[in-house]
Amino acid sequence: MSASEYDAELDARGLFCPEPVMMLHNRINDVEPGGVLRVVATDPSTTRDIPRFCQFLGHELVGRAESGDLFIYLIRRGT
């Protein structure tokens, strides 16, 4: 995922539930509606929590990947 694919980034490496989603809740507001936020996390619970966050708050999970112990998400902010 290159930097041209997203508008902002949240580095949540080393944080554990519920911190990554709490930080995501704040950081997504810094992104313009329709913009994409890249989230990098190491907590496996984000594989459950981030898709639910998007579903409940009207954001679109446009991409996700795992690389070793990293979980990477691309989230398009809803309106």
PDB file of N, CA and C in Angstrom:
ATOM      1  N   MET A   1       0.847  -1.180   0.000  1.00  0.00           N
ATOM      2  CA  MET A   1       0.000   0.000   0.000  1.00  0.00           C
ATOM      3  C   MET A   1       0.888   1.236   0.000  1.00  0.00           C
ATOM      4  N   SER A   2       0.830   1.968  -1.065  1.00  0.00           N
ATOM      5  CA  SER A   2       1.673   3.153  -1.163  1.00  0.00           C
ATOM      6  C   SER A   2       0.981   4.359  -0.539  1.00  0.00           C
ATOM      7  N   ALA A   3       1.763   5.372  -0.225  1.00  0.00           N
ATOM      8  CA  ALA A   3       1.231   6.576   0.412  1.00  0.00           C
ATOM      9  C   ALA A   3       0.186   7.261  -0.458  1.00  0.00           C
ATOM     10  N   SER A   4       0.216   7.032  -1.759  1.00  0.00           N
ATOM     11  CA  SER A   4      -0.780   7.659  -2.628  1.00  0.00           C
ATOM     12  C   SER A   4      -2.161   7.037  -2.463  1.00  0.00           C
ATOM     13  N   GLU A   5      -2.249   5.899  -1.772  1.00  0.00           N
ATOM     14  CA  GLU A   5      -3.529   5.227  -1.562  1.00  0.00           C
ATOM     15  C   GLU A   5      -4.284   5.743  -0.339  1.00  0.00           C
ATOM     16  N   TYR A   6      -3.648   6.576   0.473  1.00  0.00           N
ATOM     17  CA  TYR A   6      -4.308   7.059   1.682  1.00  0.00           C
ATOM     18  C   TYR A   6      -3.919   8.505   1.962  1.00  0.00           C
ATOM     19  N   ASP A   7      -4.750   9.155   2.782  1.00  0.00           N
ATOM     20  CA  ASP A   7      -4.578  10.579   3.083  1.00  0.00           C
ATOM     21  C   ASP A   7      -3.932  10.829   4.439  1.00  0.00           C
ATOM     22  N   ALA A   8      -4.067   9.882   5.352  1.00  0.00           N
ATOM     23  CA  ALA A   8      -3.515  10.030   6.702  1.00  0.00           C
ATOM     24  C   ALA A   8      -3.222   8.636   7.242  1.00  0.00           C
ATOM     25  N   GLU A   9      -2.459   8.593   8.328  1.00  0.00           N
ATOM     26  CA  GLU A   9      -2.068   7.307   8.897  1.00  0.00           C
ATOM     27  C   GLU A   9      -2.185   7.340  10.412  1.00  0.00           C
ATOM     28  N   LEU A  10      -2.543   6.200  10.967  1.00  0.00           N
ATOM     29  CA  LEU A  10      -2.572   6.000  12.414  1.00  0.00           C
ATOM     30  C   LEU A  10      -1.675   4.808  12.734  1.00  0.00           C
ATOM     31  N   ASP A  11      -0.648   5.042  13.518  1.00  0.00           N
ATOM     32  CA  ASP A  11       0.260   3.984  13.940  1.00  0.00           C
ATOM     33  C   ASP A  11      -0.150   3.530  15.333  1.00  0.00           C
ATOM     34  N   ALA A  12      -0.788   2.369  15.402  1.00  0.00           N
ATOM     35  CA  ALA A  12      -1.262   1.836  16.676  1.00  0.00           C
ATOM     36  C   ALA A  12      -0.449   0.614  17.093  1.00  0.00           C
ATOM     37  N   ARG A  13       0.760   0.500  16.571  1.00  0.00           N
ATOM     38  CA  ARG A  13       1.610  -0.637  16.933  1.00  0.00           C
ATOM     39  C   ARG A  13       1.944  -0.598  18.422  1.00  0.00           C
ATOM     40  N   GLY A  14       1.879  -1.775  19.047  1.00  0.00           N
ATOM     41  CA  GLY A  14       2.209  -1.891  20.464  1.00  0.00           C
ATOM     42  C   GLY A  14       1.047  -1.577  21.395  1.00  0.00           C
ATOM     43  N   LEU A  15      -0.069  -1.160  20.858  1.00  0.00           N
ATOM     44  CA  LEU A  15      -1.243  -0.850  21.683  1.00  0.00           C
ATOM     45  C   LEU A  15      -2.196  -2.035  21.692  1.00  0.00           C
ATOM     46  N   PHE A  16      -2.931  -2.173  22.783  1.00  0.00           N
ATOM     47  CA  PHE A  16      -3.861  -3.285  22.934  1.00  0.00           C
ATOM     48  C   PHE A  16      -5.270  -2.774  23.162  1.00  0.00           C
ATOM     49  N   CYS A  17      -6.229  -3.631  22.845  1.00  0.00           N
ATOM     50  CA  CYS A  17      -7.645  -3.333  22.978  1.00  0.00           C
ATOM     51  C   CYS A  17      -7.906  -2.711  24.355  1.00  0.00           C
ATOM     52  N   PRO A  18      -8.620  -1.616  24.401  1.00  0.00           N
ATOM     53  CA  PRO A  18      -9.384  -0.934  23.358  1.00  0.00           C
ATOM     54  C   PRO A  18      -8.656   0.259  22.718  1.00  0.00           C
ATOM     55  N   GLU A  19      -7.373   0.442  23.028  1.00  0.00           N
ATOM     56  CA  GLU A  19      -6.658   1.642  22.582  1.00  0.00           C
ATOM     57  C   GLU A  19      -6.644   1.864  21.065  1.00  0.00           C
ATOM     58  N   PRO A  20      -6.384   0.845  20.225  1.00  0.00           N
ATOM     59  CA  PRO A  20      -6.364   1.132  18.784  1.00  0.00           C
ATOM     60  C   PRO A  20      -7.675   1.709  18.258  1.00  0.00           C
ATOM     61  N   VAL A  21      -8.802   1.178  18.710  1.00  0.00           N
ATOM     62  CA  VAL A  21     -10.089   1.670  18.231  1.00  0.00           C
ATOM     63  C   VAL A  21     -10.404   3.040  18.831  1.00  0.00           C
ATOM     64  N   MET A  22      -9.995   3.279  20.054  1.00  0.00           N
ATOM     65  CA  MET A  22     -10.193   4.605  20.652  1.00  0.00           C
ATOM     66  C   MET A  22      -9.405   5.653  19.879  1.00  0.00           C
ATOM     67  N   MET A  23      -8.169   5.326  19.524  1.00  0.00           N
ATOM     68  CA  MET A  23      -7.360   6.260  18.733  1.00  0.00           C
ATOM     69  C   MET A  23      -7.939   6.428  17.330  1.00  0.00           C
ATOM     70  N   LEU A  24      -8.435   5.343  16.753  1.00  0.00           N
ATOM     71  CA  LEU A  24      -9.059   5.401  15.431  1.00  0.00           C
ATOM     72  C   LEU A  24     -10.274   6.316  15.459  1.00  0.00           C
ATOM     73  N   HIS A  25     -11.061   6.225  16.500  1.00  0.00           N
ATOM     74  CA  HIS A  25     -12.259   7.062  16.627  1.00  0.00           C
ATOM     75  C   HIS A  25     -11.884   8.548  16.564  1.00  0.00           C
ATOM     76  N   ASN A  26     -10.801   8.927  17.193  1.00  0.00           N
ATOM     77  CA  ASN A  26     -10.355  10.322  17.161  1.00  0.00           C
ATOM     78  C   ASN A  26      -9.695  10.686  15.835  1.00  0.00           C
ATOM     79  N   ARG A  27      -8.842   9.808  15.323  1.00  0.00           N
ATOM     80  CA  ARG A  27      -8.044  10.117  14.125  1.00  0.00           C
ATOM     81  C   ARG A  27      -8.881  10.189  12.855  1.00  0.00           C
ATOM     82  N   ILE A  28      -9.948   9.392  12.767  1.00  0.00           N
ATOM     83  CA  ILE A  28     -10.770   9.401  11.556  1.00  0.00           C
ATOM     84  C   ILE A  28     -11.407  10.773  11.350  1.00  0.00           C
ATOM     85  N   ASN A  29     -11.603  11.518  12.429  1.00  0.00           N
ATOM     86  CA  ASN A  29     -12.190  12.861  12.320  1.00  0.00           C
ATOM     87  C   ASN A  29     -11.231  13.868  11.695  1.00  0.00           C
ATOM     88  N   ASP A  30      -9.940  13.545  11.645  1.00  0.00           N
ATOM     89  CA  ASP A  30      -8.951  14.414  11.007  1.00  0.00           C
ATOM     90  C   ASP A  30      -8.925  14.238   9.492  1.00  0.00           C
ATOM     91  N   VAL A  31      -9.632  13.221   8.996  1.00  0.00           N
ATOM     92  CA  VAL A  31      -9.671  12.908   7.571  1.00  0.00           C
ATOM     93  C   VAL A  31     -10.956  13.482   6.982  1.00  0.00           C
ATOM     94  N   GLU A  32     -10.844  14.105   5.827  1.00  0.00           N
ATOM     95  CA  GLU A  32     -12.032  14.641   5.146  1.00  0.00           C
ATOM     96  C   GLU A  32     -12.972  13.494   4.760  1.00  0.00           C
ATOM     97  N   PRO A  33     -14.289  13.718   4.751  1.00  0.00           N
ATOM     98  CA  PRO A  33     -15.206  12.686   4.263  1.00  0.00           C
ATOM     99  C   PRO A  33     -14.788  12.224   2.863  1.00  0.00           C
ATOM    100  N   GLY A  34     -14.729  10.909   2.687  1.00  0.00           N
ATOM    101  CA  GLY A  34     -14.273  10.331   1.428  1.00  0.00           C
ATOM    102  C   GLY A  34     -12.785  10.057   1.402  1.00  0.00           C
ATOM    103  N   GLY A  35     -12.044  10.624   2.352  1.00  0.00           N
ATOM    104  CA  GLY A  35     -10.607  10.395   2.446  1.00  0.00           C
ATOM    105  C   GLY A  35     -10.316   9.039   3.069  1.00  0.00           C
ATOM    106  N   VAL A  36      -9.084   8.587   2.908  1.00  0.00           N
ATOM    107  CA  VAL A  36      -8.709   7.256   3.382  1.00  0.00           C
ATOM    108  C   VAL A  36      -7.649   7.370   4.480  1.00  0.00           C
ATOM    109  N   LEU A  37      -7.896   6.638   5.559  1.00  0.00           N
ATOM    110  CA  LEU A  37      -6.971   6.548   6.684  1.00  0.00           C
ATOM    111  C   LEU A  37      -6.337   5.158   6.676  1.00  0.00           C
ATOM    112  N   ARG A  38      -5.030   5.115   6.784  1.00  0.00           N
ATOM    113  CA  ARG A  38      -4.305   3.843   6.901  1.00  0.00           C
ATOM    114  C   ARG A  38      -4.017   3.609   8.382  1.00  0.00           C
ATOM    115  N   VAL A  39      -4.364   2.434   8.866  1.00  0.00           N
ATOM    116  CA  VAL A  39      -4.132   2.062  10.260  1.00  0.00           C
ATOM    117  C   VAL A  39      -3.172   0.876  10.276  1.00  0.00           C
ATOM    118  N   VAL A  40      -2.123   0.993  11.081  1.00  0.00           N
ATOM    119  CA  VAL A  40      -1.170  -0.097  11.279  1.00  0.00           C
ATOM    120  C   VAL A  40      -1.229  -0.487  12.749  1.00  0.00           C
ATOM    121  N   ALA A  41      -1.504  -1.764  13.009  1.00  0.00           N
ATOM    122  CA  ALA A  41      -1.660  -2.230  14.383  1.00  0.00           C
ATOM    123  C   ALA A  41      -0.971  -3.582  14.554  1.00  0.00           C
ATOM    124  N   THR A  42      -0.727  -3.941  15.810  1.00  0.00           N
ATOM    125  CA  THR A  42      -0.152  -5.252  16.123  1.00  0.00           C
ATOM    126  C   THR A  42      -1.100  -6.102  16.959  1.00  0.00           C
ATOM    127  N   ASP A  43      -2.192  -5.534  17.413  1.00  0.00           N
ATOM    128  CA  ASP A  43      -3.148  -6.256  18.257  1.00  0.00           C
ATOM    129  C   ASP A  43      -4.082  -7.082  17.368  1.00  0.00           C
ATOM    130  N   PRO A  44      -4.070  -8.411  17.512  1.00  0.00           N
ATOM    131  CA  PRO A  44      -4.942  -9.252  16.685  1.00  0.00           C
ATOM    132  C   PRO A  44      -6.430  -8.951  16.855  1.00  0.00           C
ATOM    133  N   SER A  45      -6.824  -8.378  17.977  1.00  0.00           N
ATOM    134  CA  SER A  45      -8.251  -8.071  18.170  1.00  0.00           C
ATOM    135  C   SER A  45      -8.742  -7.007  17.187  1.00  0.00           C
ATOM    136  N   THR A  46      -7.823  -6.289  16.554  1.00  0.00           N
ATOM    137  CA  THR A  46      -8.254  -5.299  15.561  1.00  0.00           C
ATOM    138  C   THR A  46      -8.908  -5.967  14.355  1.00  0.00           C
ATOM    139  N   THR A  47      -8.606  -7.242  14.111  1.00  0.00           N
ATOM    140  CA  THR A  47      -9.228  -7.935  12.978  1.00  0.00           C
ATOM    141  C   THR A  47     -10.735  -8.057  13.177  1.00  0.00           C
ATOM    142  N   ARG A  48     -11.182  -8.008  14.397  1.00  0.00           N
ATOM    143  CA  ARG A  48     -12.600  -8.022  14.723  1.00  0.00           C
ATOM    144  C   ARG A  48     -13.116  -6.599  14.956  1.00  0.00           C
ATOM    145  N   ASP A  49     -12.354  -5.821  15.709  1.00  0.00           N
ATOM    146  CA  ASP A  49     -12.827  -4.517  16.166  1.00  0.00           C
ATOM    147  C   ASP A  49     -12.907  -3.467  15.059  1.00  0.00           C
ATOM    148  N   ILE A  50     -11.940  -3.420  14.170  1.00  0.00           N
ATOM    149  CA  ILE A  50     -11.933  -2.372  13.145  1.00  0.00           C
ATOM    150  C   ILE A  50     -13.047  -2.567  12.124  1.00  0.00           C
ATOM    151  N   PRO A  51     -13.301  -3.788  11.625  1.00  0.00           N
ATOM    152  CA  PRO A  51     -14.462  -3.943  10.733  1.00  0.00           C
ATOM    153  C   PRO A  51     -15.784  -3.565  11.402  1.00  0.00           C
ATOM    154  N   ARG A  52     -15.936  -3.896  12.672  1.00  0.00           N
ATOM    155  CA  ARG A  52     -17.164  -3.515  13.403  1.00  0.00           C
ATOM    156  C   ARG A  52     -17.251  -2.009  13.569  1.00  0.00           C
ATOM    157  N   PHE A  53     -16.138  -1.371  13.874  1.00  0.00           N
ATOM    158  CA  PHE A  53     -16.087   0.084  13.989  1.00  0.00           C
ATOM    159  C   PHE A  53     -16.607   0.709  12.693  1.00  0.00           C
ATOM    160  N   CYS A  54     -16.095   0.226  11.569  1.00  0.00           N
ATOM    161  CA  CYS A  54     -16.506   0.766  10.267  1.00  0.00           C
ATOM    162  C   CYS A  54     -17.993   0.537  10.021  1.00  0.00           C
ATOM    163  N   GLN A  55     -18.450  -0.656  10.297  1.00  0.00           N
ATOM    164  CA  GLN A  55     -19.854  -1.000  10.071  1.00  0.00           C
ATOM    165  C   GLN A  55     -20.781  -0.123  10.909  1.00  0.00           C
ATOM    166  N   PHE A  56     -20.491   0.039  12.179  1.00  0.00           N
ATOM    167  CA  PHE A  56     -21.377   0.766  13.073  1.00  0.00           C
ATOM    168  C   PHE A  56     -21.344   2.273  12.850  1.00  0.00           C
ATOM    169  N   LEU A  57     -20.210   2.810  12.388  1.00  0.00           N
ATOM    170  CA  LEU A  57     -20.086   4.258  12.258  1.00  0.00           C
ATOM    171  C   LEU A  57     -20.147   4.753  10.813  1.00  0.00           C
ATOM    172  N   GLY A  58     -20.422   3.846   9.872  1.00  0.00           N
ATOM    173  CA  GLY A  58     -20.655   4.260   8.496  1.00  0.00           C
ATOM    174  C   GLY A  58     -19.414   4.558   7.683  1.00  0.00           C
ATOM    175  N   HIS A  59     -18.289   3.954   8.048  1.00  0.00           N
ATOM    176  CA  HIS A  59     -17.063   4.089   7.276  1.00  0.00           C
ATOM    177  C   HIS A  59     -16.887   2.821   6.436  1.00  0.00           C
ATOM    178  N   GLU A  60     -16.073   2.907   5.389  1.00  0.00           N
ATOM    179  CA  GLU A  60     -15.866   1.762   4.507  1.00  0.00           C
ATOM    180  C   GLU A  60     -14.465   1.193   4.697  1.00  0.00           C
ATOM    181  N   LEU A  61     -14.404  -0.082   5.009  1.00  0.00           N
ATOM    182  CA  LEU A  61     -13.121  -0.779   5.085  1.00  0.00           C
ATOM    183  C   LEU A  61     -12.762  -1.183   3.661  1.00  0.00           C
ATOM    184  N   VAL A  62     -11.857  -0.424   3.038  1.00  0.00           N
ATOM    185  CA  VAL A  62     -11.553  -0.642   1.628  1.00  0.00           C
ATOM    186  C   VAL A  62     -10.381  -1.591   1.412  1.00  0.00           C
ATOM    187  N   GLY A  63      -9.641  -1.898   2.464  1.00  0.00           N
ATOM    188  CA  GLY A  63      -8.537  -2.831   2.323  1.00  0.00           C
ATOM    189  C   GLY A  63      -8.013  -3.267   3.669  1.00  0.00           C
ATOM    190  N   ARG A  64      -7.503  -4.483   3.693  1.00  0.00           N
ATOM    191  CA  ARG A  64      -6.856  -4.990   4.899  1.00  0.00           C
ATOM    192  C   ARG A  64      -5.831  -6.016   4.489  1.00  0.00           C
ATOM    193  N   ALA A  65      -4.744  -6.066   5.252  1.00  0.00           N
ATOM    194  CA  ALA A  65      -3.666  -6.992   4.955  1.00  0.00           C
ATOM    195  C   ALA A  65      -2.963  -7.354   6.249  1.00  0.00           C
ATOM    196  N   GLU A  66      -2.319  -8.499   6.232  1.00  0.00           N
ATOM    197  CA  GLU A  66      -1.480  -8.929   7.344  1.00  0.00           C
ATOM    198  C   GLU A  66      -0.080  -9.151   6.808  1.00  0.00           C
ATOM    199  N   SER A  67       0.887  -8.674   7.567  1.00  0.00           N
ATOM    200  CA  SER A  67       2.279  -8.855   7.199  1.00  0.00           C
ATOM    201  C   SER A  67       3.054  -9.168   8.469  1.00  0.00           C
ATOM    202  N   GLY A  68       3.333 -10.433   8.681  1.00  0.00           N
ATOM    203  CA  GLY A  68       3.982 -10.832   9.930  1.00  0.00           C
ATOM    204  C   GLY A  68       3.052 -10.555  11.096  1.00  0.00           C
ATOM    205  N   ASP A  69       3.517  -9.750  12.042  1.00  0.00           N
ATOM    206  CA  ASP A  69       2.675  -9.411  13.194  1.00  0.00           C
ATOM    207  C   ASP A  69       1.947  -8.083  13.003  1.00  0.00           C
ATOM    208  N   LEU A  70       1.952  -7.544  11.792  1.00  0.00           N
ATOM    209  CA  LEU A  70       1.266  -6.278  11.507  1.00  0.00           C
ATOM    210  C   LEU A  70      -0.077  -6.521  10.847  1.00  0.00           C
ATOM    211  N   PHE A  71      -1.049  -5.728  11.263  1.00  0.00           N
ATOM    212  CA  PHE A  71      -2.374  -5.714  10.655  1.00  0.00           C
ATOM    213  C   PHE A  71      -2.558  -4.316  10.071  1.00  0.00           C
ATOM    214  N   ILE A  72      -2.841  -4.261   8.797  1.00  0.00           N
ATOM    215  CA  ILE A  72      -2.911  -2.978   8.088  1.00  0.00           C
ATOM    216  C   ILE A  72      -4.309  -2.826   7.493  1.00  0.00           C
ATOM    217  N   TYR A  73      -4.906  -1.650   7.706  1.00  0.00           N
ATOM    218  CA  TYR A  73      -6.273  -1.394   7.253  1.00  0.00           C
ATOM    219  C   TYR A  73      -6.314  -0.080   6.478  1.00  0.00           C
ATOM    220  N   LEU A  74      -7.139  -0.026   5.454  1.00  0.00           N
ATOM    221  CA  LEU A  74      -7.441   1.213   4.762  1.00  0.00           C
ATOM    222  C   LEU A  74      -8.926   1.475   4.971  1.00  0.00           C
ATOM    223  N   ILE A  75      -9.230   2.637   5.540  1.00  0.00           N
ATOM    224  CA  ILE A  75     -10.598   2.976   5.906  1.00  0.00           C
ATOM    225  C   ILE A  75     -10.992   4.272   5.217  1.00  0.00           C
ATOM    226  N   ARG A  76     -12.066   4.222   4.422  1.00  0.00           N
ATOM    227  CA  ARG A  76     -12.583   5.429   3.789  1.00  0.00           C
ATOM    228  C   ARG A  76     -13.622   6.044   4.721  1.00  0.00           C
ATOM    229  N   ARG A  77     -13.379   7.295   5.085  1.00  0.00           N
ATOM    230  CA  ARG A  77     -14.289   7.972   6.006  1.00  0.00           C
ATOM    231  C   ARG A  77     -15.636   8.213   5.354  1.00  0.00           C
ATOM    232  N   GLY A  78     -16.676   7.894   6.068  1.00  0.00           N
ATOM    233  CA  GLY A  78     -18.029   8.188   5.624  1.00  0.00           C
ATOM    234  C   GLY A  78     -18.353   9.654   5.859  1.00  0.00           C
ATOM    235  N   THR A  79     -19.561  10.019   5.517  1.00  0.00           N
ATOM    236  CA  THR A  79     -19.969  11.422   5.681  1.00  0.00           C
ATOM    237  C   THR A  79     -20.486  11.709   7.062  1.00  0.00           C
TER     238      THR A  79
END
